[in-house]
Amino acid sequence: MSRPSNRVLGTVLIAAALFGGTFLDAARQRAAHEPALQHTEALVERLRLSDIALFTEARYTRHLTQADLHSPFQDHPVALEHFPSGSLLPPPKNLLSRHEPLDREAAPSD
């Protein structure tokens, strides 16, 4: 007779084995794609590319090194963020340290 806890344990063990298998598969695929990765690395070095483009939506999420705190709100100061990637990445820490934490100081209007 199979207890429910035995089924749960079996499911967790199978899931853990499959999860471990993903690492083995990733190592196998990386070894297979190593020449292409080396070619891309050489191309990046030859073209002197500075950083990667994480998202393709807005200029302030494409190149985080070129963003400022006001870029998302260039249409209007109180405009809502309309790109999903803008809510995934916070502004760089060096920008946050130079500005006052206005969200903690502002009082709601009556």
N, C-alpha and C. Protein backbone atom coordinates (compact mmCIF):
# COMPACT_ATOMS: atom_id res chain seq x y z
N MET A 1 0.85 -1.18 0.00
CA MET A 1 0.00 0.00 0.00
C MET A 1 0.89 1.25 0.00
N SER A 2 0.60 2.15 -0.91
CA SER A 2 1.41 3.35 -1.07
C SER A 2 0.81 4.51 -0.29
N ARG A 3 1.63 5.05 0.59
CA ARG A 3 1.17 6.20 1.37
C ARG A 3 1.34 7.47 0.54
N PRO A 4 0.54 8.50 0.78
CA PRO A 4 0.69 9.76 0.04
C PRO A 4 2.07 10.38 0.21
N SER A 5 2.67 10.22 1.39
CA SER A 5 4.01 10.79 1.60
C SER A 5 5.06 10.10 0.73
N ASN A 6 4.88 8.80 0.46
CA ASN A 6 5.80 8.09 -0.43
C ASN A 6 5.69 8.60 -1.86
N ARG A 7 4.47 8.90 -2.29
CA ARG A 7 4.28 9.46 -3.64
C ARG A 7 4.90 10.84 -3.75
N VAL A 8 4.73 11.65 -2.72
CA VAL A 8 5.32 12.99 -2.72
C VAL A 8 6.84 12.89 -2.73
N LEU A 9 7.41 12.02 -1.93
CA LEU A 9 8.85 11.83 -1.91
C LEU A 9 9.37 11.36 -3.27
N GLY A 10 8.67 10.42 -3.87
CA GLY A 10 9.06 9.94 -5.20
C GLY A 10 9.01 11.05 -6.24
N THR A 11 7.98 11.88 -6.18
CA THR A 11 7.85 13.00 -7.11
C THR A 11 8.97 14.00 -6.91
N VAL A 12 9.31 14.28 -5.66
CA VAL A 12 10.39 15.23 -5.37
C VAL A 12 11.72 14.67 -5.85
N LEU A 13 11.97 13.40 -5.65
CA LEU A 13 13.22 12.79 -6.10
C LEU A 13 13.33 12.79 -7.62
N ILE A 14 12.24 12.50 -8.30
CA ILE A 14 12.25 12.54 -9.77
C ILE A 14 12.49 13.96 -10.26
N ALA A 15 11.83 14.93 -9.63
CA ALA A 15 12.03 16.34 -10.02
C ALA A 15 13.47 16.77 -9.77
N ALA A 16 14.06 16.34 -8.65
CA ALA A 16 15.45 16.68 -8.36
C ALA A 16 16.40 16.04 -9.37
N ALA A 17 16.12 14.82 -9.77
CA ALA A 17 16.95 14.16 -10.78
C ALA A 17 16.84 14.87 -12.12
N LEU A 18 15.65 15.27 -12.50
CA LEU A 18 15.47 16.01 -13.75
C LEU A 18 16.16 17.37 -13.68
N PHE A 19 16.09 18.01 -12.54
CA PHE A 19 16.77 19.31 -12.36
C PHE A 19 18.28 19.14 -12.49
N GLY A 20 18.83 18.11 -11.88
CA GLY A 20 20.26 17.83 -12.02
C GLY A 20 20.62 17.51 -13.46
N GLY A 21 19.71 16.85 -14.17
CA GLY A 21 19.95 16.55 -15.57
C GLY A 21 20.05 17.80 -16.43
N THR A 22 19.38 18.86 -16.04
CA THR A 22 19.48 20.10 -16.82
C THR A 22 20.89 20.67 -16.76
N PHE A 23 21.58 20.51 -15.65
CA PHE A 23 22.96 20.98 -15.55
C PHE A 23 23.89 20.15 -16.43
N LEU A 24 23.66 18.84 -16.46
CA LEU A 24 24.46 17.99 -17.34
C LEU A 24 24.22 18.34 -18.80
N ASP A 25 22.98 18.58 -19.16
CA ASP A 25 22.65 18.96 -20.53
C ASP A 25 23.25 20.32 -20.89
N ALA A 26 23.23 21.26 -19.96
CA ALA A 26 23.82 22.57 -20.21
C ALA A 26 25.32 22.46 -20.43
N ALA A 27 26.01 21.62 -19.66
CA ALA A 27 27.45 21.43 -19.84
C ALA A 27 27.74 20.79 -21.19
N ARG A 28 26.92 19.84 -21.60
CA ARG A 28 27.10 19.19 -22.89
C ARG A 28 26.89 20.18 -24.03
N GLN A 29 25.84 21.00 -23.93
CA GLN A 29 25.57 21.98 -24.99
C GLN A 29 26.63 23.07 -25.03
N ARG A 30 27.14 23.46 -23.87
CA ARG A 30 28.19 24.48 -23.85
C ARG A 30 29.44 23.97 -24.56
N ALA A 31 29.79 22.73 -24.31
CA ALA A 31 30.96 22.15 -24.98
C ALA A 31 30.74 22.09 -26.49
N ALA A 32 29.52 21.79 -26.91
CA ALA A 32 29.22 21.72 -28.34
C ALA A 32 29.25 23.09 -29.00
N HIS A 33 28.92 24.14 -28.26
CA HIS A 33 28.86 25.49 -28.82
C HIS A 33 30.09 26.34 -28.50
N GLU A 34 31.13 25.73 -27.97
CA GLU A 34 32.33 26.49 -27.57
C GLU A 34 32.96 27.25 -28.73
N PRO A 35 33.09 26.67 -29.94
CA PRO A 35 33.69 27.44 -31.04
C PRO A 35 32.88 28.70 -31.38
N ALA A 36 31.57 28.61 -31.36
CA ALA A 36 30.74 29.78 -31.65
C ALA A 36 30.89 30.83 -30.55
N LEU A 37 31.00 30.40 -29.31
CA LEU A 37 31.19 31.35 -28.22
C LEU A 37 32.53 32.06 -28.33
N GLN A 38 33.58 31.33 -28.72
CA GLN A 38 34.89 31.95 -28.89
C GLN A 38 34.88 32.94 -30.05
N HIS A 39 34.15 32.61 -31.12
CA HIS A 39 34.04 33.53 -32.25
C HIS A 39 33.32 34.81 -31.83
N THR A 40 32.25 34.67 -31.07
CA THR A 40 31.50 35.83 -30.59
C THR A 40 32.35 36.68 -29.65
N GLU A 41 33.12 36.02 -28.80
CA GLU A 41 34.01 36.75 -27.89
C GLU A 41 35.05 37.55 -28.65
N ALA A 42 35.60 36.96 -29.69
CA ALA A 42 36.59 37.66 -30.52
C ALA A 42 35.95 38.84 -31.25
N LEU A 43 34.73 38.65 -31.72
CA LEU A 43 34.02 39.73 -32.41
C LEU A 43 33.74 40.90 -31.47
N VAL A 44 33.33 40.61 -30.26
CA VAL A 44 33.06 41.65 -29.27
C VAL A 44 34.33 42.42 -28.95
N GLU A 45 35.43 41.70 -28.81
CA GLU A 45 36.70 42.37 -28.52
C GLU A 45 37.17 43.21 -29.71
N ARG A 46 37.01 42.69 -30.92
CA ARG A 46 37.45 43.42 -32.10
C ARG A 46 36.62 44.68 -32.33
N LEU A 47 35.30 44.60 -32.09
CA LEU A 47 34.42 45.76 -32.29
C LEU A 47 34.38 46.70 -31.09
N ARG A 48 35.04 46.30 -29.99
CA ARG A 48 35.09 47.07 -28.75
C ARG A 48 33.69 47.40 -28.22
N LEU A 49 32.86 46.39 -28.17
CA LEU A 49 31.51 46.58 -27.63
C LEU A 49 31.60 46.74 -26.12
N SER A 50 30.82 47.66 -25.58
CA SER A 50 30.97 48.00 -24.17
C SER A 50 30.14 47.12 -23.23
N ASP A 51 28.90 46.89 -23.55
CA ASP A 51 28.05 46.11 -22.66
C ASP A 51 26.95 45.45 -23.47
N ILE A 52 26.23 44.57 -22.81
CA ILE A 52 25.17 43.84 -23.50
C ILE A 52 23.87 44.63 -23.45
N ALA A 53 23.00 44.36 -24.38
CA ALA A 53 21.66 44.94 -24.37
C ALA A 53 20.73 43.91 -23.74
N LEU A 54 20.23 44.22 -22.55
CA LEU A 54 19.40 43.26 -21.83
C LEU A 54 17.98 43.20 -22.38
N PHE A 55 17.43 44.35 -22.74
CA PHE A 55 16.07 44.43 -23.24
C PHE A 55 16.08 45.27 -24.50
N THR A 56 15.04 45.16 -25.30
CA THR A 56 14.98 45.91 -26.55
C THR A 56 13.90 46.98 -26.54
N GLU A 57 13.23 47.19 -25.44
CA GLU A 57 12.08 48.08 -25.43
C GLU A 57 12.45 49.55 -25.39
N ALA A 58 13.04 49.97 -24.31
CA ALA A 58 13.29 51.38 -24.09
C ALA A 58 14.78 51.63 -23.97
N ARG A 59 15.21 52.83 -24.32
CA ARG A 59 16.64 53.11 -24.32
C ARG A 59 17.24 53.02 -22.91
N TYR A 60 16.47 53.30 -21.88
CA TYR A 60 17.01 53.26 -20.53
C TYR A 60 17.06 51.85 -19.96
N THR A 61 16.46 50.87 -20.63
CA THR A 61 16.64 49.48 -20.21
C THR A 61 17.58 48.74 -21.15
N ARG A 62 17.84 49.29 -22.33
CA ARG A 62 18.80 48.67 -23.25
C ARG A 62 20.21 48.79 -22.72
N HIS A 63 20.59 49.99 -22.32
CA HIS A 63 21.94 50.23 -21.84
C HIS A 63 21.85 50.89 -20.47
N LEU A 64 22.00 50.08 -19.43
CA LEU A 64 21.82 50.57 -18.07
C LEU A 64 22.88 51.59 -17.69
N THR A 65 24.03 51.53 -18.32
CA THR A 65 25.09 52.49 -18.00
C THR A 65 24.75 53.88 -18.52
N GLN A 66 23.81 53.98 -19.45
CA GLN A 66 23.46 55.26 -20.04
C GLN A 66 22.14 55.81 -19.48
N ALA A 67 21.57 55.17 -18.51
CA ALA A 67 20.27 55.57 -17.99
C ALA A 67 20.42 56.55 -16.84
N ASP A 68 19.38 57.33 -16.61
CA ASP A 68 19.30 58.18 -15.43
C ASP A 68 17.94 57.95 -14.77
N LEU A 69 17.74 58.56 -13.63
CA LEU A 69 16.50 58.31 -12.88
C LEU A 69 15.26 58.86 -13.58
N HIS A 70 15.43 59.83 -14.46
CA HIS A 70 14.27 60.49 -15.05
C HIS A 70 13.92 59.97 -16.44
N SER A 71 14.68 59.06 -16.97
CA SER A 71 14.42 58.54 -18.32
C SER A 71 13.04 57.92 -18.48
N PRO A 72 12.55 57.11 -17.53
CA PRO A 72 11.24 56.51 -17.72
C PRO A 72 10.12 57.54 -17.75
N PHE A 73 10.37 58.71 -17.21
CA PHE A 73 9.31 59.70 -17.07
C PHE A 73 9.52 60.88 -17.99
N GLN A 74 10.14 60.65 -19.16
CA GLN A 74 10.43 61.74 -20.05
C GLN A 74 9.18 62.31 -20.72
N ASP A 75 8.10 61.53 -20.80
CA ASP A 75 6.87 62.05 -21.39
C ASP A 75 6.16 63.01 -20.44
N HIS A 76 6.17 62.70 -19.17
CA HIS A 76 5.49 63.52 -18.17
C HIS A 76 6.07 63.15 -16.81
N PRO A 77 6.27 64.09 -15.90
CA PRO A 77 6.91 63.77 -14.61
C PRO A 77 6.18 62.73 -13.77
N VAL A 78 4.88 62.65 -13.89
CA VAL A 78 4.15 61.66 -13.09
C VAL A 78 3.60 60.53 -13.97
N ALA A 79 4.18 60.35 -15.16
CA ALA A 79 3.74 59.28 -16.04
C ALA A 79 4.11 57.92 -15.44
N LEU A 80 3.27 56.95 -15.69
CA LEU A 80 3.54 55.60 -15.21
C LEU A 80 4.52 54.91 -16.14
N GLU A 81 5.27 54.00 -15.59
CA GLU A 81 6.20 53.19 -16.39
C GLU A 81 5.38 52.32 -17.34
N HIS A 82 5.62 52.42 -18.63
CA HIS A 82 4.80 51.65 -19.56
C HIS A 82 5.57 50.53 -20.25
N PHE A 83 6.82 50.30 -19.88
CA PHE A 83 7.57 49.16 -20.40
C PHE A 83 7.75 48.15 -19.28
N PRO A 84 7.43 46.89 -19.50
CA PRO A 84 7.57 45.89 -18.44
C PRO A 84 9.00 45.76 -17.93
N SER A 85 9.98 45.92 -18.79
CA SER A 85 11.37 45.74 -18.35
C SER A 85 11.79 46.83 -17.38
N GLY A 86 11.16 47.99 -17.43
CA GLY A 86 11.49 49.06 -16.49
C GLY A 86 11.15 48.70 -15.06
N SER A 87 10.18 47.83 -14.88
CA SER A 87 9.82 47.41 -13.53
C SER A 87 10.66 46.22 -13.05
N LEU A 88 11.40 45.61 -13.95
CA LEU A 88 12.25 44.47 -13.56
C LEU A 88 13.61 44.90 -13.06
N LEU A 89 14.10 46.03 -13.54
CA LEU A 89 15.44 46.49 -13.17
C LEU A 89 15.37 47.81 -12.42
N PRO A 90 15.91 47.86 -11.23
CA PRO A 90 15.96 49.14 -10.52
C PRO A 90 17.05 50.03 -11.11
N PRO A 91 17.01 51.33 -10.84
CA PRO A 91 18.10 52.19 -11.31
C PRO A 91 19.42 51.78 -10.67
N PRO A 92 20.53 52.08 -11.32
CA PRO A 92 21.83 51.74 -10.72
C PRO A 92 22.01 52.39 -9.36
N LYS A 93 22.71 51.71 -8.46
CA LYS A 93 22.87 52.18 -7.08
C LYS A 93 23.60 53.51 -6.99
N ASN A 94 24.53 53.75 -7.91
CA ASN A 94 25.25 55.02 -7.86
C ASN A 94 24.34 56.20 -8.17
N LEU A 95 23.24 55.98 -8.90
CA LEU A 95 22.29 57.05 -9.15
C LEU A 95 21.38 57.27 -7.94
N LEU A 96 21.05 56.20 -7.26
CA LEU A 96 20.15 56.33 -6.10
C LEU A 96 20.82 57.06 -4.95
N SER A 97 22.12 56.92 -4.80
CA SER A 97 22.79 57.54 -3.66
C SER A 97 22.91 59.05 -3.82
N ARG A 98 22.78 59.57 -5.04
CA ARG A 98 22.93 61.01 -5.26
C ARG A 98 21.62 61.78 -5.17
N HIS A 99 20.51 61.10 -5.01
CA HIS A 99 19.21 61.75 -4.98
C HIS A 99 18.56 61.57 -3.61
N GLU A 100 17.78 62.53 -3.24
CA GLU A 100 17.06 62.44 -1.98
C GLU A 100 15.96 61.38 -2.08
N PRO A 101 15.70 60.66 -1.01
CA PRO A 101 14.60 59.67 -1.04
C PRO A 101 13.25 60.37 -0.91
N LEU A 102 12.81 60.97 -2.00
CA LEU A 102 11.59 61.78 -1.96
C LEU A 102 10.34 60.95 -1.68
N ASP A 103 10.36 59.69 -2.03
CA ASP A 103 9.17 58.89 -1.79
C ASP A 103 8.92 58.69 -0.30
N ARG A 104 9.94 58.81 0.54
CA ARG A 104 9.75 58.67 1.98
C ARG A 104 9.45 59.99 2.66
N GLU A 105 9.72 61.08 1.97
CA GLU A 105 9.51 62.39 2.57
C GLU A 105 8.19 63.04 2.14
N ALA A 106 7.66 62.61 1.03
CA ALA A 106 6.45 63.24 0.51
C ALA A 106 5.22 62.86 1.35
N ALA A 107 4.38 63.82 1.55
CA ALA A 107 3.13 63.58 2.29
C ALA A 107 1.98 63.53 1.30
N PRO A 108 1.00 62.68 1.58
CA PRO A 108 -0.16 62.63 0.65
C PRO A 108 -0.95 63.93 0.69
N SER A 109 -1.48 64.28 -0.45
CA SER A 109 -2.27 65.52 -0.51
C SER A 109 -3.64 65.30 0.12
N ASP A 110 -4.19 66.37 0.63
CA ASP A 110 -5.52 66.27 1.27
C ASP A 110 -6.64 66.40 0.28
